[in-house]
Amino acid sequence: MIKRKNKQVITLLWVFFCMNVVWFLTYRLLNNRILPGPIAVYASLGELGREGIGLHIGYSLLRIFAGVVFALIFGLLIGMIMGRSPLWN
């Protein structure tokens, strides 16, 4: 069991490393301001906590939750109309 967990962790780290290499190579090839390099992103991670990132995450989660609720309500209403009405079915 422990060896399996170690293998999973090593696989996860390898995938993370490979993704960062692909990201870095893409950044170097494109040389565009739109795609920042991984080094710049990791260097600025410490500043995120000071700028109230929790508030921004909260607002994003609220928007996601509101969108899901909105979609569920309208999806259920349309589904009920389609199920009950021969015209809409």
Protein backbone atom coordinates (compact mmCIF):
# COMPACT_ATOMS: atom_id res chain seq x y z
CA MET A 1 0.00 0.00 0.00
CA ILE A 2 2.82 2.41 0.86
CA LYS A 3 4.68 1.63 -2.36
CA ARG A 4 1.52 2.32 -4.34
CA LYS A 5 1.11 5.70 -2.63
CA ASN A 6 4.75 6.54 -3.32
CA LYS A 7 4.28 5.63 -6.96
CA GLN A 8 1.19 7.86 -7.15
CA VAL A 9 3.07 10.78 -5.58
CA ILE A 10 6.01 10.32 -7.94
CA THR A 11 3.64 10.15 -10.91
CA LEU A 12 1.88 13.31 -9.74
CA LEU A 13 5.19 15.16 -9.35
CA TRP A 14 6.36 13.96 -12.77
CA VAL A 15 3.15 15.19 -14.44
CA PHE A 16 3.46 18.54 -12.62
CA PHE A 17 7.06 18.87 -13.78
CA CYS A 18 6.19 17.97 -17.39
CA MET A 19 3.31 20.44 -17.45
CA ASN A 20 5.62 23.18 -16.23
CA VAL A 21 8.20 22.32 -18.88
CA VAL A 22 5.53 22.48 -21.60
CA TRP A 23 4.27 25.76 -20.14
CA PHE A 24 7.79 27.22 -20.09
CA LEU A 25 8.55 26.10 -23.65
CA THR A 26 5.25 27.54 -24.88
CA TYR A 27 6.03 30.79 -23.10
CA ARG A 28 9.48 30.95 -24.73
CA LEU A 29 8.18 30.06 -28.20
CA LEU A 30 5.26 32.50 -28.18
CA ASN A 31 7.15 35.33 -26.45
CA ASN A 32 3.83 37.06 -25.86
CA ARG A 33 2.68 39.24 -22.96
CA ILE A 34 -0.62 37.36 -22.75
CA LEU A 35 1.01 34.12 -21.54
CA PRO A 36 3.22 34.73 -18.50
CA GLY A 37 6.06 32.37 -17.74
CA PRO A 38 5.81 29.89 -14.88
CA ILE A 39 8.72 31.53 -13.06
CA ALA A 40 6.94 34.90 -12.96
CA VAL A 41 3.71 33.27 -11.83
CA TYR A 42 5.36 31.33 -9.01
CA ALA A 43 7.29 34.44 -7.95
CA SER A 44 4.07 36.43 -7.60
CA LEU A 45 2.15 33.78 -5.64
CA GLY A 46 3.25 35.31 -2.34
CA GLU A 47 1.64 38.62 -3.22
CA LEU A 48 -1.76 37.04 -3.75
CA GLY A 49 -2.35 36.50 -0.04
CA ARG A 50 -1.69 40.13 0.72
CA GLU A 51 -4.18 41.39 -1.84
CA GLY A 52 -7.28 39.70 -0.46
CA ILE A 53 -7.35 36.70 -2.75
CA GLY A 54 -9.84 35.04 -0.40
CA LEU A 55 -12.42 37.71 -1.18
CA HIS A 56 -11.96 37.20 -4.91
CA ILE A 57 -12.22 33.43 -4.56
CA GLY A 58 -15.41 33.89 -2.53
CA TYR A 59 -16.99 36.08 -5.21
CA SER A 60 -16.01 33.60 -7.92
CA LEU A 61 -17.51 30.69 -5.98
CA LEU A 62 -20.67 32.75 -5.41
CA ARG A 63 -20.98 33.36 -9.16
CA ILE A 64 -20.47 29.67 -9.88
CA PHE A 65 -23.07 28.70 -7.28
CA ALA A 66 -25.57 31.26 -8.62
CA GLY A 67 -25.03 30.02 -12.18
CA VAL A 68 -25.59 26.40 -11.18
CA VAL A 69 -28.75 27.27 -9.24
CA PHE A 70 -30.02 29.38 -12.16
CA ALA A 71 -29.34 26.54 -14.62
CA LEU A 72 -31.00 23.97 -12.36
CA ILE A 73 -34.14 26.05 -11.88
CA PHE A 74 -34.61 26.81 -15.56
CA GLY A 75 -33.56 23.33 -16.63
CA LEU A 76 -36.08 21.73 -14.29
CA LEU A 77 -38.84 24.09 -15.41
CA ILE A 78 -38.17 23.45 -19.10
CA GLY A 79 -37.90 19.70 -18.45
CA MET A 80 -41.22 19.68 -16.61
CA ILE A 81 -42.89 21.63 -19.43
CA MET A 82 -41.44 19.26 -22.02
CA GLY A 83 -42.53 16.22 -20.04
CA ARG A 84 -46.11 17.39 -19.50
CA SER A 85 -46.87 19.02 -22.83
CA PRO A 86 -47.23 17.02 -26.01
CA LEU A 87 -46.54 20.19 -28.00
CA TRP A 88 -43.22 20.89 -26.26
CA ASN A 89 -42.22 17.24 -26.24
